[in-house]
Amino acid sequence: MARVVLTIMLMGLSFSAYSDFLGFKSSDNVSKIPALAEKIKSLKVEQGPIFEDSFNQLVKSLETTLEEEKLFCSGESADSAGKVISKDQKQVCFRQLKSNYLEAIESVFKVKKQYLITIHNNQLEKMNQIQSKIKSDIDKSF
């Protein structure tokens, strides 16, 4: 039952991220990358498919948003209001995009590192339990 509820919540999160990507919820010319980075930071790091799916969806949304914002900054596409960036604002736009993306990537790697540490610690604990059991079995047999 809890899995079903979590799956529904994750689907809502992905639809929300998708609508943000399309520009339905954001104001004009505001990068969506910092909001995605915050969502990534706020993920509860735990071992399992729920975290992995959420994390992967957010990273994919981040990459898609980056590509869309690159197109906007280059003047190849319009924002949600149909406006195209002026030539004198392109360089400023790219600088801001770079800054936002670097901060987001930092968040991605921090969360991924926490996740890998969690998995590693769990594996070490299991290995210690197996070692203790084998030592105990050896002591009993001799």
C-alpha atoms as a PDB file:
ATOM      1  CA  MET A   1       0.000   0.000   0.000  1.00  0.00           C
ATOM      2  CA  ALA A   2       2.809   2.389   0.915  1.00  0.00           C
ATOM      3  CA  ARG A   3       4.514   1.585  -2.374  1.00  0.00           C
ATOM      4  CA  VAL A   4       1.387   2.548  -4.308  1.00  0.00           C
ATOM      5  CA  VAL A   5       1.117   5.856  -2.461  1.00  0.00           C
ATOM      6  CA  LEU A   6       4.799   6.612  -3.046  1.00  0.00           C
ATOM      7  CA  THR A   7       4.476   5.735  -6.722  1.00  0.00           C
ATOM      8  CA  ILE A   8       1.540   8.111  -7.085  1.00  0.00           C
ATOM      9  CA  MET A   9       3.477  10.849  -5.282  1.00  0.00           C
ATOM     10  CA  LEU A  10       6.470  10.332  -7.587  1.00  0.00           C
ATOM     11  CA  MET A  11       4.251  10.513 -10.643  1.00  0.00           C
ATOM     12  CA  GLY A  12       2.848  13.795  -9.355  1.00  0.00           C
ATOM     13  CA  LEU A  13       6.379  15.069  -8.839  1.00  0.00           C
ATOM     14  CA  SER A  14       7.364  14.115 -12.376  1.00  0.00           C
ATOM     15  CA  PHE A  15       4.254  15.779 -13.844  1.00  0.00           C
ATOM     16  CA  SER A  16       5.023  18.860 -11.785  1.00  0.00           C
ATOM     17  CA  ALA A  17       8.603  18.931 -13.061  1.00  0.00           C
ATOM     18  CA  TYR A  18       7.329  18.439 -16.610  1.00  0.00           C
ATOM     19  CA  SER A  19       4.876  21.335 -16.327  1.00  0.00           C
ATOM     20  CA  ASP A  20       7.657  23.506 -14.880  1.00  0.00           C
ATOM     21  CA  PHE A  21       9.822  22.546 -17.845  1.00  0.00           C
ATOM     22  CA  LEU A  22       7.133  23.692 -20.262  1.00  0.00           C
ATOM     23  CA  GLY A  23       6.909  27.043 -18.508  1.00  0.00           C
ATOM     24  CA  PHE A  24       3.365  26.789 -17.224  1.00  0.00           C
ATOM     25  CA  LYS A  25       4.232  27.582 -13.628  1.00  0.00           C
ATOM     26  CA  SER A  26       7.186  29.923 -13.877  1.00  0.00           C
ATOM     27  CA  SER A  27       7.453  33.565 -14.664  1.00  0.00           C
ATOM     28  CA  ASP A  28       9.211  34.821 -17.783  1.00  0.00           C
ATOM     29  CA  ASN A  29      12.987  34.471 -18.134  1.00  0.00           C
ATOM     30  CA  VAL A  30      13.447  32.827 -14.746  1.00  0.00           C
ATOM     31  CA  SER A  31      15.644  29.758 -14.774  1.00  0.00           C
ATOM     32  CA  LYS A  32      14.044  26.561 -13.550  1.00  0.00           C
ATOM     33  CA  ILE A  33      17.424  24.989 -12.789  1.00  0.00           C
ATOM     34  CA  PRO A  34      17.750  26.317  -9.185  1.00  0.00           C
ATOM     35  CA  ALA A  35      14.319  24.900  -8.310  1.00  0.00           C
ATOM     36  CA  LEU A  36      15.303  21.500  -9.697  1.00  0.00           C
ATOM     37  CA  ALA A  37      18.572  21.646  -7.747  1.00  0.00           C
ATOM     38  CA  GLU A  38      16.607  22.324  -4.559  1.00  0.00           C
ATOM     39  CA  LYS A  39      14.337  19.362  -5.259  1.00  0.00           C
ATOM     40  CA  ILE A  40      17.403  17.173  -5.708  1.00  0.00           C
ATOM     41  CA  LYS A  41      18.909  18.457  -2.442  1.00  0.00           C
ATOM     42  CA  SER A  42      15.665  17.769  -0.588  1.00  0.00           C
ATOM     43  CA  LEU A  43      15.495  14.103  -1.616  1.00  0.00           C
ATOM     44  CA  LYS A  44      15.718  11.725   1.313  1.00  0.00           C
ATOM     45  CA  VAL A  45      18.756   9.541   0.598  1.00  0.00           C
ATOM     46  CA  GLU A  46      17.915   5.899   1.148  1.00  0.00           C
ATOM     47  CA  GLN A  47      18.701   2.621  -0.519  1.00  0.00           C
ATOM     48  CA  GLY A  48      16.006   1.440  -2.879  1.00  0.00           C
ATOM     49  CA  PRO A  49      14.269   1.980  -6.175  1.00  0.00           C
ATOM     50  CA  ILE A  50      12.078   4.834  -4.961  1.00  0.00           C
ATOM     51  CA  PHE A  51      15.040   7.105  -4.310  1.00  0.00           C
ATOM     52  CA  GLU A  52      16.791   5.998  -7.494  1.00  0.00           C
ATOM     53  CA  ASP A  53      13.721   6.683  -9.634  1.00  0.00           C
ATOM     54  CA  SER A  54      13.124  10.095  -8.075  1.00  0.00           C
ATOM     55  CA  PHE A  55      16.764  11.056  -8.396  1.00  0.00           C
ATOM     56  CA  ASN A  56      17.008   9.898 -12.017  1.00  0.00           C
ATOM     57  CA  GLN A  57      13.803  11.725 -12.988  1.00  0.00           C
ATOM     58  CA  LEU A  58      15.039  14.963 -11.451  1.00  0.00           C
ATOM     59  CA  VAL A  59      18.441  14.675 -13.127  1.00  0.00           C
ATOM     60  CA  LYS A  60      16.758  14.015 -16.466  1.00  0.00           C
ATOM     61  CA  SER A  61      14.523  17.062 -15.929  1.00  0.00           C
ATOM     62  CA  LEU A  62      17.614  19.086 -15.102  1.00  0.00           C
ATOM     63  CA  GLU A  63      19.330  18.025 -18.322  1.00  0.00           C
ATOM     64  CA  THR A  64      16.221  18.726 -20.402  1.00  0.00           C
ATOM     65  CA  THR A  65      15.785  22.130 -18.791  1.00  0.00           C
ATOM     66  CA  LEU A  66      19.425  22.948 -19.471  1.00  0.00           C
ATOM     67  CA  GLU A  67      18.987  22.175 -23.164  1.00  0.00           C
ATOM     68  CA  GLU A  68      15.813  24.288 -23.346  1.00  0.00           C
ATOM     69  CA  GLU A  69      17.481  27.206 -21.585  1.00  0.00           C
ATOM     70  CA  LYS A  70      20.515  26.931 -23.887  1.00  0.00           C
ATOM     71  CA  LEU A  71      18.189  27.286 -26.848  1.00  0.00           C
ATOM     72  CA  PHE A  72      16.565  30.314 -25.228  1.00  0.00           C
ATOM     73  CA  CYS A  73      19.907  31.962 -24.412  1.00  0.00           C
ATOM     74  CA  SER A  74      21.125  31.425 -27.957  1.00  0.00           C
ATOM     75  CA  GLY A  75      17.964  33.037 -29.324  1.00  0.00           C
ATOM     76  CA  GLU A  76      16.860  29.854 -31.077  1.00  0.00           C
ATOM     77  CA  SER A  77      13.642  29.518 -29.069  1.00  0.00           C
ATOM     78  CA  ALA A  78      11.211  31.756 -27.250  1.00  0.00           C
ATOM     79  CA  ASP A  79      10.224  31.715 -23.596  1.00  0.00           C
ATOM     80  CA  SER A  80       6.760  30.679 -22.399  1.00  0.00           C
ATOM     81  CA  ALA A  81       5.392  34.133 -23.267  1.00  0.00           C
ATOM     82  CA  GLY A  82       6.742  33.928 -26.820  1.00  0.00           C
ATOM     83  CA  LYS A  83       9.564  36.406 -26.283  1.00  0.00           C
ATOM     84  CA  VAL A  84      13.013  35.859 -27.800  1.00  0.00           C
ATOM     85  CA  ILE A  85      16.084  37.113 -25.962  1.00  0.00           C
ATOM     86  CA  SER A  86      17.825  40.165 -27.392  1.00  0.00           C
ATOM     87  CA  LYS A  87      21.376  39.910 -28.744  1.00  0.00           C
ATOM     88  CA  ASP A  88      22.821  42.070 -25.973  1.00  0.00           C
ATOM     89  CA  GLN A  89      21.301  39.817 -23.288  1.00  0.00           C
ATOM     90  CA  LYS A  90      22.585  36.517 -24.705  1.00  0.00           C
ATOM     91  CA  GLN A  91      25.963  36.655 -22.972  1.00  0.00           C
ATOM     92  CA  VAL A  92      24.381  37.548 -19.628  1.00  0.00           C
ATOM     93  CA  CYS A  93      21.890  34.744 -20.097  1.00  0.00           C
ATOM     94  CA  PHE A  94      24.634  32.185 -20.798  1.00  0.00           C
ATOM     95  CA  ARG A  95      26.654  33.323 -17.768  1.00  0.00           C
ATOM     96  CA  GLN A  96      23.636  32.917 -15.514  1.00  0.00           C
ATOM     97  CA  LEU A  97      22.830  29.559 -17.081  1.00  0.00           C
ATOM     98  CA  LYS A  98      26.391  28.367 -16.485  1.00  0.00           C
ATOM     99  CA  SER A  99      26.298  29.513 -12.861  1.00  0.00           C
ATOM    100  CA  ASN A 100      22.942  27.826 -12.220  1.00  0.00           C
ATOM    101  CA  TYR A 101      24.043  24.617 -13.901  1.00  0.00           C
ATOM    102  CA  LEU A 102      27.312  24.423 -11.946  1.00  0.00           C
ATOM    103  CA  GLU A 103      25.399  24.811  -8.675  1.00  0.00           C
ATOM    104  CA  ALA A 104      22.898  22.155  -9.755  1.00  0.00           C
ATOM    105  CA  ILE A 105      25.649  19.725 -10.733  1.00  0.00           C
ATOM    106  CA  GLU A 106      27.250  20.247  -7.328  1.00  0.00           C
ATOM    107  CA  SER A 107      23.938  19.257  -5.719  1.00  0.00           C
ATOM    108  CA  VAL A 108      23.618  16.197  -7.958  1.00  0.00           C
ATOM    109  CA  PHE A 109      27.077  14.942  -7.043  1.00  0.00           C
ATOM    110  CA  LYS A 110      26.611  15.580  -3.321  1.00  0.00           C
ATOM    111  CA  VAL A 111      23.358  13.626  -3.236  1.00  0.00           C
ATOM    112  CA  LYS A 112      24.793  10.830  -5.386  1.00  0.00           C
ATOM    113  CA  LYS A 113      27.829  10.630  -3.096  1.00  0.00           C
ATOM    114  CA  GLN A 114      25.576  10.369  -0.018  1.00  0.00           C
ATOM    115  CA  TYR A 115      23.638   7.596  -1.723  1.00  0.00           C
ATOM    116  CA  LEU A 116      26.787   5.646  -2.611  1.00  0.00           C
ATOM    117  CA  ILE A 117      28.096   6.027   0.954  1.00  0.00           C
ATOM    118  CA  THR A 118      24.777   4.683   2.270  1.00  0.00           C
ATOM    119  CA  ILE A 119      24.957   1.657  -0.023  1.00  0.00           C
ATOM    120  CA  HIS A 120      28.610   1.064   0.866  1.00  0.00           C
ATOM    121  CA  ASN A 121      27.910   1.217   4.610  1.00  0.00           C
ATOM    122  CA  ASN A 122      25.039  -1.254   4.243  1.00  0.00           C
ATOM    123  CA  GLN A 123      27.259  -3.647   2.304  1.00  0.00           C
ATOM    124  CA  LEU A 124      30.009  -3.392   4.931  1.00  0.00           C
ATOM    125  CA  GLU A 125      27.491  -4.128   7.685  1.00  0.00           C
ATOM    126  CA  LYS A 126      26.253  -7.218   5.833  1.00  0.00           C
ATOM    127  CA  MET A 127      29.816  -8.373   5.292  1.00  0.00           C
ATOM    128  CA  ASN A 128      30.580  -7.972   9.016  1.00  0.00           C
ATOM    129  CA  GLN A 129      27.493 -10.015   9.896  1.00  0.00           C
ATOM    130  CA  ILE A 130      28.541 -12.780   7.503  1.00  0.00           C
ATOM    131  CA  GLN A 131      32.057 -12.773   8.945  1.00  0.00           C
ATOM    132  CA  SER A 132      30.711 -13.048  12.499  1.00  0.00           C
ATOM    133  CA  LYS A 133      28.416 -15.912  11.522  1.00  0.00           C
ATOM    134  CA  ILE A 134      31.230 -17.807   9.803  1.00  0.00           C
ATOM    135  CA  LYS A 135      33.521 -17.336  12.839  1.00  0.00           C
ATOM    136  CA  SER A 136      30.738 -18.562  15.102  1.00  0.00           C
ATOM    137  CA  ASP A 137      30.119 -21.603  12.893  1.00  0.00           C
ATOM    138  CA  ILE A 138      33.829 -22.424  12.873  1.00  0.00           C
ATOM    139  CA  ASP A 139      34.027 -22.122  16.672  1.00  0.00           C
ATOM    140  CA  LYS A 140      31.050 -24.477  17.050  1.00  0.00           C
ATOM    141  CA  SER A 141      32.443 -27.083  14.690  1.00  0.00           C
ATOM    142  CA  PHE A 142      35.850 -27.382  16.365  1.00  0.00           C
END
